[in-house]
Amino acid sequence: MKHKSITLMFLFITTLTFTLGVWQLYRLNWKNDLIENIESTIKSPEFFEEKKIYNELTSVILNDSFNLINNPIFIESKIFQNKVGYHLLVPILFEDEAFSVLNLGWVPDKNKNKYINHLINLFNNFDEVRVYIRNFNSNKPFFVPENDINQNIWFHINKIDMQLFYEEEFNSQYYFVILDTQIKKFINNPSSNLNNNHLNYAITWFLLSLSSVVMLLIIRRKNG
């Protein structure tokens, strides 16, 4: 009875780890397709349409109906080239109505008013600006602190908090991240937001499954 229980346990472990390996291969294919889509939209972005549904990290072009308001907020503790700074966000209008926010990327401190003015003026003076899309929701990572709206201290992009702070209702389900080197020389490729370690994970699970099979064969041979 004891040997039967051990056999069933190893069969369960083998099946479970093999299934997890197959799942990671599925995730690998999905992630590769997503990265391919991201890269293709970077090369040939379309104009953003207000009512169209987009995949996250899709690159689009904002036309001159979009304008920035110089009322920035700064997301704390963002690192660029091993330096700690902030992500600069400002409200974006669509046809003169509050629409969303735009992440203008990393800045070293909160006091470069001329630099911020320069970025906003550049955006507003171009007829077309390349950006990519992120989902504008109110979720936050578990270990990230809550935003302090009263003290104007921000740790994550939260739609509800930003609507309270700006006293505006943002109509878009997306926010935008700058991708135009005419405005910002150093930008992040949206695919850098994706971790693609699924092949390594799949190999690990398959090796664990194989190890379980080997252990099962050894046990059965000893008790055969």
Protein backbone atom coordinates (compact mmCIF):
# COMPACT_ATOMS: atom_id res chain seq x y z
CA MET A 1 0.00 0.00 0.00
CA LYS A 2 2.87 2.34 0.84
CA HIS A 3 4.58 1.69 -2.50
CA LYS A 4 1.30 2.32 -4.33
CA SER A 5 0.92 5.69 -2.59
CA ILE A 6 4.47 6.67 -3.53
CA THR A 7 3.81 5.63 -7.15
CA LEU A 8 0.62 7.70 -7.28
CA MET A 9 2.45 10.70 -5.77
CA PHE A 10 5.20 10.58 -8.42
CA LEU A 11 2.64 10.09 -11.19
CA PHE A 12 0.83 13.18 -9.94
CA ILE A 13 4.05 15.22 -9.78
CA THR A 14 5.07 14.04 -13.27
CA THR A 15 1.70 14.96 -14.75
CA LEU A 16 1.58 18.32 -12.96
CA THR A 17 5.09 19.43 -13.93
CA PHE A 18 4.64 18.28 -17.54
CA THR A 19 1.36 20.22 -17.76
CA LEU A 20 3.05 23.33 -16.37
CA GLY A 21 5.81 22.95 -18.96
CA VAL A 22 3.26 22.77 -21.78
CA TRP A 23 1.50 25.84 -20.32
CA GLN A 24 4.76 27.78 -20.36
CA LEU A 25 5.28 26.87 -24.04
CA TYR A 26 1.80 28.19 -24.75
CA ARG A 27 2.68 31.40 -22.88
CA LEU A 28 5.94 31.64 -24.86
CA ASN A 29 4.08 31.53 -28.18
CA TRP A 30 1.55 34.09 -26.92
CA LYS A 31 4.30 36.41 -25.69
CA ASN A 32 6.24 36.11 -28.97
CA ASP A 33 3.10 37.01 -30.93
CA LEU A 34 2.52 39.99 -28.63
CA ILE A 35 6.11 41.23 -29.04
CA GLU A 36 5.83 40.82 -32.81
CA ASN A 37 2.64 42.91 -32.78
CA ILE A 38 4.33 45.58 -30.66
CA GLU A 39 7.31 45.77 -32.99
CA SER A 40 5.09 45.97 -36.09
CA THR A 41 3.06 48.86 -34.64
CA ILE A 42 6.27 50.70 -33.75
CA LYS A 43 7.35 50.48 -37.39
CA SER A 44 3.92 51.37 -38.82
CA PRO A 45 1.74 53.04 -36.18
CA GLU A 46 -1.84 54.01 -36.97
CA PHE A 47 -3.63 57.15 -35.85
CA PHE A 48 -5.34 56.69 -32.50
CA GLU A 49 -9.12 56.35 -32.67
CA GLU A 50 -11.05 57.24 -29.54
CA LYS A 51 -13.62 54.42 -29.81
CA LYS A 52 -11.31 51.66 -31.02
CA ILE A 53 -10.20 48.82 -28.73
CA TYR A 54 -6.42 48.40 -28.53
CA ASN A 55 -4.07 45.82 -27.11
CA GLU A 56 -1.86 47.16 -24.37
CA LEU A 57 1.57 48.41 -25.53
CA THR A 58 0.31 49.09 -29.07
CA SER A 59 2.02 52.08 -30.68
CA VAL A 60 -0.21 54.78 -32.15
CA ILE A 61 -0.03 58.35 -33.43
CA LEU A 62 -1.81 61.20 -31.67
CA ASN A 63 -2.86 64.00 -34.02
CA ASP A 64 -3.09 67.72 -33.28
CA SER A 65 -6.48 67.29 -31.58
CA PHE A 66 -4.49 66.20 -28.51
CA ASN A 67 -2.80 68.79 -26.30
CA LEU A 68 -0.98 68.71 -23.00
CA ILE A 69 -1.70 70.79 -19.89
CA ASN A 70 1.25 71.98 -17.84
CA ASN A 71 0.09 70.54 -14.52
CA PRO A 72 2.56 67.74 -13.85
CA ILE A 73 2.66 64.97 -11.30
CA PHE A 74 5.73 62.85 -10.57
CA ILE A 75 5.75 59.10 -9.97
CA GLU A 76 8.33 58.36 -7.28
CA SER A 77 11.38 56.09 -7.35
CA LYS A 78 11.84 55.46 -11.06
CA ILE A 79 15.31 54.37 -12.19
CA PHE A 80 17.05 55.31 -15.43
CA GLN A 81 20.71 54.43 -16.10
CA ASN A 82 21.18 53.58 -12.41
CA LYS A 83 19.88 57.00 -11.29
CA VAL A 84 16.76 57.44 -9.18
CA GLY A 85 14.26 60.00 -10.41
CA TYR A 86 10.63 60.28 -11.43
CA HIS A 87 8.22 59.62 -14.25
CA LEU A 88 6.67 62.87 -15.41
CA LEU A 89 2.92 62.73 -16.14
CA VAL A 90 0.66 65.49 -17.40
CA PRO A 91 -3.03 65.62 -18.35
CA ILE A 92 -3.85 65.32 -22.02
CA LEU A 93 -6.84 66.98 -23.68
CA PHE A 94 -8.72 65.68 -26.69
CA GLU A 95 -10.55 68.43 -28.56
CA ASP A 96 -10.14 70.66 -25.48
CA GLU A 97 -11.74 68.16 -23.07
CA ALA A 98 -10.00 66.12 -20.38
CA PHE A 99 -9.17 62.74 -21.87
CA SER A 100 -6.28 60.95 -20.14
CA VAL A 101 -2.67 61.42 -19.00
CA LEU A 102 0.63 61.14 -20.84
CA ASN A 103 3.82 59.75 -19.35
CA LEU A 104 6.63 61.95 -20.67
CA GLY A 105 9.28 59.61 -19.31
CA TRP A 106 12.03 59.84 -16.74
CA VAL A 107 13.24 63.10 -15.21
CA PRO A 108 15.96 63.50 -12.55
CA ASP A 109 14.04 65.85 -10.26
CA LYS A 110 10.85 67.88 -9.85
CA ASN A 111 12.39 71.31 -10.30
CA LYS A 112 13.30 71.47 -13.99
CA ASN A 113 10.43 73.76 -14.93
CA LYS A 114 12.06 74.97 -18.16
CA TYR A 115 12.67 71.39 -19.27
CA ILE A 116 9.06 70.39 -18.54
CA ASN A 117 7.78 73.46 -20.38
CA HIS A 118 10.00 72.55 -23.31
CA LEU A 119 8.62 68.98 -23.54
CA ILE A 120 5.02 70.17 -23.34
CA ASN A 121 5.55 72.89 -25.94
CA LEU A 122 7.21 70.42 -28.29
CA PHE A 123 4.26 68.04 -28.02
CA ASN A 124 1.68 70.78 -28.54
CA ASN A 125 3.51 72.17 -31.56
CA PHE A 126 3.73 68.88 -33.47
CA ASP A 127 0.85 67.74 -35.67
CA GLU A 128 1.67 64.09 -35.02
CA VAL A 129 3.26 62.45 -31.99
CA ARG A 130 4.09 58.78 -31.53
CA VAL A 131 3.11 57.15 -28.24
CA TYR A 132 2.19 53.72 -26.95
CA ILE A 133 -0.86 52.63 -25.00
CA ARG A 134 -1.22 51.35 -21.43
CA ASN A 135 -4.41 50.35 -19.67
CA PHE A 136 -5.60 53.21 -17.47
CA ASN A 137 -7.03 51.43 -14.46
CA SER A 138 -6.87 51.72 -10.71
CA ASN A 139 -4.98 48.53 -9.90
CA LYS A 140 -1.59 48.65 -8.23
CA PRO A 141 1.12 46.12 -7.43
CA PHE A 142 0.67 44.64 -3.96
CA PHE A 143 3.85 46.09 -2.43
CA VAL A 144 3.54 49.58 -3.94
CA PRO A 145 2.40 52.24 -1.41
CA GLU A 146 -0.86 54.13 -1.83
CA ASN A 147 -0.74 57.53 -3.49
CA ASP A 148 -1.01 60.53 -1.17
CA ILE A 149 -3.24 62.91 -3.12
CA ASN A 150 -3.28 65.60 -0.43
CA GLN A 151 0.53 65.77 -0.32
CA ASN A 152 0.84 65.29 -4.11
CA ILE A 153 3.03 62.21 -3.66
CA TRP A 154 2.58 59.47 -6.26
CA PHE A 155 3.78 55.89 -6.42
CA HIS A 156 1.68 54.46 -9.25
CA ILE A 157 -0.69 55.50 -12.03
CA ASN A 158 -4.21 55.27 -10.67
CA LYS A 159 -7.16 56.61 -12.67
CA ILE A 160 -9.43 57.24 -9.70
CA ASP A 161 -6.72 59.06 -7.74
CA MET A 162 -5.80 61.21 -10.74
CA GLN A 163 -9.40 62.15 -11.42
CA LEU A 164 -9.73 63.24 -7.78
CA PHE A 165 -6.48 65.19 -7.90
CA TYR A 166 -7.23 66.99 -11.18
CA GLU A 167 -10.95 67.27 -10.46
CA GLU A 168 -11.62 66.00 -13.96
CA GLU A 169 -13.15 62.85 -15.40
CA PHE A 170 -10.78 61.16 -17.83
CA ASN A 171 -12.87 59.51 -20.53
CA SER A 172 -10.23 57.18 -21.94
CA GLN A 173 -9.63 53.63 -20.79
CA TYR A 174 -5.98 54.10 -21.79
CA TYR A 175 -3.13 56.35 -20.84
CA PHE A 176 -0.18 57.06 -23.11
CA VAL A 177 3.62 56.84 -22.91
CA ILE A 178 5.84 58.98 -25.13
CA LEU A 179 7.61 57.11 -27.91
CA ASP A 180 8.64 60.02 -30.12
CA THR A 181 12.35 60.82 -30.20
CA GLN A 182 11.53 64.26 -31.63
CA ILE A 183 10.27 65.11 -28.14
CA LYS A 184 12.30 62.85 -25.88
CA LYS A 185 15.67 61.52 -26.95
CA PHE A 186 15.71 58.59 -24.54
CA ILE A 187 12.52 56.52 -24.66
CA ASN A 188 11.66 52.99 -23.58
CA ASN A 189 10.69 50.42 -26.16
CA PRO A 190 7.27 49.12 -25.05
CA SER A 191 8.44 45.51 -25.43
CA SER A 192 10.86 46.17 -22.55
CA ASN A 193 7.77 46.02 -20.29
CA LEU A 194 7.42 42.32 -21.10
CA ASN A 195 9.39 39.59 -19.39
CA ASN A 196 9.83 36.65 -21.74
CA ASN A 197 11.41 33.90 -19.64
CA HIS A 198 8.78 31.30 -20.52
CA LEU A 199 11.22 29.05 -22.40
CA ASN A 200 13.45 28.81 -19.30
CA TYR A 201 10.40 28.11 -17.15
CA ALA A 202 9.20 25.41 -19.58
CA ILE A 203 12.62 23.69 -19.59
CA THR A 204 12.65 23.76 -15.76
CA TRP A 205 9.21 22.16 -15.51
CA PHE A 206 10.05 19.50 -18.12
CA LEU A 207 13.28 18.63 -16.27
CA LEU A 208 11.34 18.28 -13.03
CA SER A 209 8.85 16.05 -14.83
CA LEU A 210 11.68 13.93 -16.24
CA SER A 211 13.28 13.70 -12.79
CA SER A 212 9.99 12.46 -11.35
CA VAL A 213 9.79 9.77 -14.05
CA VAL A 214 13.36 8.67 -13.28
CA MET A 215 12.63 8.53 -9.55
CA LEU A 216 9.48 6.53 -10.22
CA LEU A 217 11.38 4.00 -12.35
CA ILE A 218 14.08 3.63 -9.68
CA ILE A 219 11.47 3.03 -6.96
CA ARG A 220 9.60 0.47 -9.06
CA ARG A 221 12.83 -1.35 -9.93
CA LYS A 222 13.82 -1.57 -6.25
CA ASN A 223 10.40 -2.93 -5.34
CA GLY A 224 10.00 -5.06 -8.47
